[in-house]
Amino acid sequence: TGDRRGTDWHLHHRRPRGAGGSKREDTNMPQNLGVLCPECHRTVEGHRADALHDGWLVPQSGDPAQVAVVVDRGSRIVYFTPDATYSQTPGEL
């Protein structure tokens, strides 16, 4: 694993930036972001129904802070927090 963004890792927006999402104040908040390896990012983008089910994609009308995310190869369900950590309970954006 390296430290080169775009090559070694990708910054993923759970609620996509398209369709006006990039204009929202909370687009780049930690609850909406995840760091993925390039292969995992391709999987999320290529299998959107599964990504929605697992919390890696959030509808434009959704609040990422309220949507649980499947992590650790499916072994845990967590919520992303404002301080870029995990929680067992949902927060707010």
C-alpha atoms as a PDB file:
ATOM      1  CA  THR A   1       0.000   0.000   0.000  1.00  0.00           C
ATOM      2  CA  GLY A   2       1.358   3.364  -0.977  1.00  0.00           C
ATOM      3  CA  ASP A   3       0.437   6.946  -0.285  1.00  0.00           C
ATOM      4  CA  ARG A   4      -0.381   8.222  -3.780  1.00  0.00           C
ATOM      5  CA  ARG A   5      -3.991   9.344  -4.091  1.00  0.00           C
ATOM      6  CA  GLY A   6      -5.546   8.159  -7.325  1.00  0.00           C
ATOM      7  CA  THR A   7      -2.957   5.417  -7.735  1.00  0.00           C
ATOM      8  CA  ASP A   8      -2.722   3.623  -4.387  1.00  0.00           C
ATOM      9  CA  TRP A   9      -6.018   4.832  -2.930  1.00  0.00           C
ATOM     10  CA  HIS A  10      -9.143   6.724  -3.957  1.00  0.00           C
ATOM     11  CA  LEU A  11     -11.315   9.144  -2.016  1.00  0.00           C
ATOM     12  CA  HIS A  12     -14.883   7.955  -2.486  1.00  0.00           C
ATOM     13  CA  HIS A  13     -17.957  10.155  -2.020  1.00  0.00           C
ATOM     14  CA  ARG A  14     -20.739   7.933  -0.664  1.00  0.00           C
ATOM     15  CA  ARG A  15     -23.400  10.392  -1.780  1.00  0.00           C
ATOM     16  CA  PRO A  16     -22.135  11.156  -5.278  1.00  0.00           C
ATOM     17  CA  ARG A  17     -21.030  14.645  -6.190  1.00  0.00           C
ATOM     18  CA  GLY A  18     -23.023  14.624  -9.432  1.00  0.00           C
ATOM     19  CA  ALA A  19     -26.548  15.996  -9.841  1.00  0.00           C
ATOM     20  CA  GLY A  20     -25.800  19.047  -7.708  1.00  0.00           C
ATOM     21  CA  GLY A  21     -24.129  17.127  -4.922  1.00  0.00           C
ATOM     22  CA  SER A  22     -20.852  19.004  -5.221  1.00  0.00           C
ATOM     23  CA  LYS A  23     -22.631  22.254  -4.310  1.00  0.00           C
ATOM     24  CA  ARG A  24     -23.839  20.906  -0.972  1.00  0.00           C
ATOM     25  CA  GLU A  25     -21.899  22.013   2.083  1.00  0.00           C
ATOM     26  CA  ASP A  26     -21.729  18.483   3.454  1.00  0.00           C
ATOM     27  CA  THR A  27     -20.324  16.837   0.318  1.00  0.00           C
ATOM     28  CA  ASN A  28     -16.783  16.663   1.702  1.00  0.00           C
ATOM     29  CA  MET A  29     -17.666  15.935   5.325  1.00  0.00           C
ATOM     30  CA  PRO A  30     -16.060  12.771   6.787  1.00  0.00           C
ATOM     31  CA  GLN A  31     -19.438  11.016   7.057  1.00  0.00           C
ATOM     32  CA  ASN A  32     -19.721  11.154   3.264  1.00  0.00           C
ATOM     33  CA  LEU A  33     -16.173  10.045   2.473  1.00  0.00           C
ATOM     34  CA  GLY A  34     -14.356   6.747   2.402  1.00  0.00           C
ATOM     35  CA  VAL A  35     -10.854   5.753   1.384  1.00  0.00           C
ATOM     36  CA  LEU A  36     -10.877   2.750  -0.934  1.00  0.00           C
ATOM     37  CA  CYS A  37      -8.248   0.866  -2.846  1.00  0.00           C
ATOM     38  CA  PRO A  38      -8.700   1.306  -6.612  1.00  0.00           C
ATOM     39  CA  GLU A  39     -10.119  -2.215  -7.035  1.00  0.00           C
ATOM     40  CA  CYS A  40     -12.715  -1.695  -4.279  1.00  0.00           C
ATOM     41  CA  HIS A  41     -13.649   1.696  -5.760  1.00  0.00           C
ATOM     42  CA  ARG A  42     -14.241   0.076  -9.159  1.00  0.00           C
ATOM     43  CA  THR A  43     -16.385  -2.571  -7.459  1.00  0.00           C
ATOM     44  CA  VAL A  44     -18.495   0.068  -5.682  1.00  0.00           C
ATOM     45  CA  GLU A  45     -19.015   2.041  -8.877  1.00  0.00           C
ATOM     46  CA  GLY A  46     -19.603  -1.060 -10.999  1.00  0.00           C
ATOM     47  CA  HIS A  47     -22.059  -2.754  -8.637  1.00  0.00           C
ATOM     48  CA  ARG A  48     -24.169   0.162  -7.488  1.00  0.00           C
ATOM     49  CA  ALA A  49     -27.097  -1.869  -6.112  1.00  0.00           C
ATOM     50  CA  ASP A  50     -24.742  -3.799  -3.841  1.00  0.00           C
ATOM     51  CA  ALA A  51     -22.965  -0.564  -2.875  1.00  0.00           C
ATOM     52  CA  LEU A  52     -26.307   1.025  -1.927  1.00  0.00           C
ATOM     53  CA  HIS A  53     -27.185  -2.032   0.148  1.00  0.00           C
ATOM     54  CA  ASP A  54     -23.800  -1.938   1.925  1.00  0.00           C
ATOM     55  CA  GLY A  55     -23.845   1.828   2.549  1.00  0.00           C
ATOM     56  CA  TRP A  56     -21.003   2.705   0.190  1.00  0.00           C
ATOM     57  CA  LEU A  57     -23.450   4.675  -1.951  1.00  0.00           C
ATOM     58  CA  VAL A  58     -26.126   6.959  -0.512  1.00  0.00           C
ATOM     59  CA  PRO A  59     -28.998   8.453  -2.544  1.00  0.00           C
ATOM     60  CA  GLN A  60     -28.895  12.228  -3.117  1.00  0.00           C
ATOM     61  CA  SER A  61     -31.813  12.597  -0.711  1.00  0.00           C
ATOM     62  CA  GLY A  62     -30.025  10.543   1.954  1.00  0.00           C
ATOM     63  CA  ASP A  63     -27.923  11.592   4.930  1.00  0.00           C
ATOM     64  CA  PRO A  64     -24.635   9.633   4.947  1.00  0.00           C
ATOM     65  CA  ALA A  65     -24.381  10.086   8.720  1.00  0.00           C
ATOM     66  CA  GLN A  66     -27.572   8.024   9.063  1.00  0.00           C
ATOM     67  CA  VAL A  67     -26.571   5.233   6.657  1.00  0.00           C
ATOM     68  CA  ALA A  68     -24.584   2.314   8.058  1.00  0.00           C
ATOM     69  CA  VAL A  69     -21.571   1.036   6.130  1.00  0.00           C
ATOM     70  CA  VAL A  70     -20.403  -2.569   5.847  1.00  0.00           C
ATOM     71  CA  VAL A  71     -16.644  -2.687   6.562  1.00  0.00           C
ATOM     72  CA  ASP A  72     -13.909  -5.199   7.315  1.00  0.00           C
ATOM     73  CA  ARG A  73     -14.936  -7.505   4.465  1.00  0.00           C
ATOM     74  CA  GLY A  74     -18.507  -7.657   5.697  1.00  0.00           C
ATOM     75  CA  SER A  75     -17.727  -8.453   9.323  1.00  0.00           C
ATOM     76  CA  ARG A  76     -18.866  -5.113  10.828  1.00  0.00           C
ATOM     77  CA  ILE A  77     -21.534  -2.489  10.275  1.00  0.00           C
ATOM     78  CA  VAL A  78     -20.592   1.037  11.381  1.00  0.00           C
ATOM     79  CA  TYR A  79     -21.444   4.693  10.893  1.00  0.00           C
ATOM     80  CA  PHE A  80     -18.854   7.240   9.779  1.00  0.00           C
ATOM     81  CA  THR A  81     -18.411  10.150  12.209  1.00  0.00           C
ATOM     82  CA  PRO A  82     -17.470  13.848  11.901  1.00  0.00           C
ATOM     83  CA  ASP A  83     -14.003  13.095  13.316  1.00  0.00           C
ATOM     84  CA  ALA A  84     -13.372  10.443  10.631  1.00  0.00           C
ATOM     85  CA  THR A  85     -13.772   7.438  12.903  1.00  0.00           C
ATOM     86  CA  TYR A  86     -16.406   4.722  13.238  1.00  0.00           C
ATOM     87  CA  SER A  87     -19.394   4.580  15.593  1.00  0.00           C
ATOM     88  CA  GLN A  88     -21.968   1.904  16.361  1.00  0.00           C
ATOM     89  CA  THR A  89     -24.738   4.536  16.331  1.00  0.00           C
ATOM     90  CA  PRO A  90     -25.740   7.077  13.664  1.00  0.00           C
ATOM     91  CA  GLY A  91     -24.876  10.752  13.954  1.00  0.00           C
ATOM     92  CA  GLU A  92     -25.734  13.827  11.937  1.00  0.00           C
ATOM     93  CA  LEU A  93     -24.131  15.743   9.092  1.00  0.00           C
END
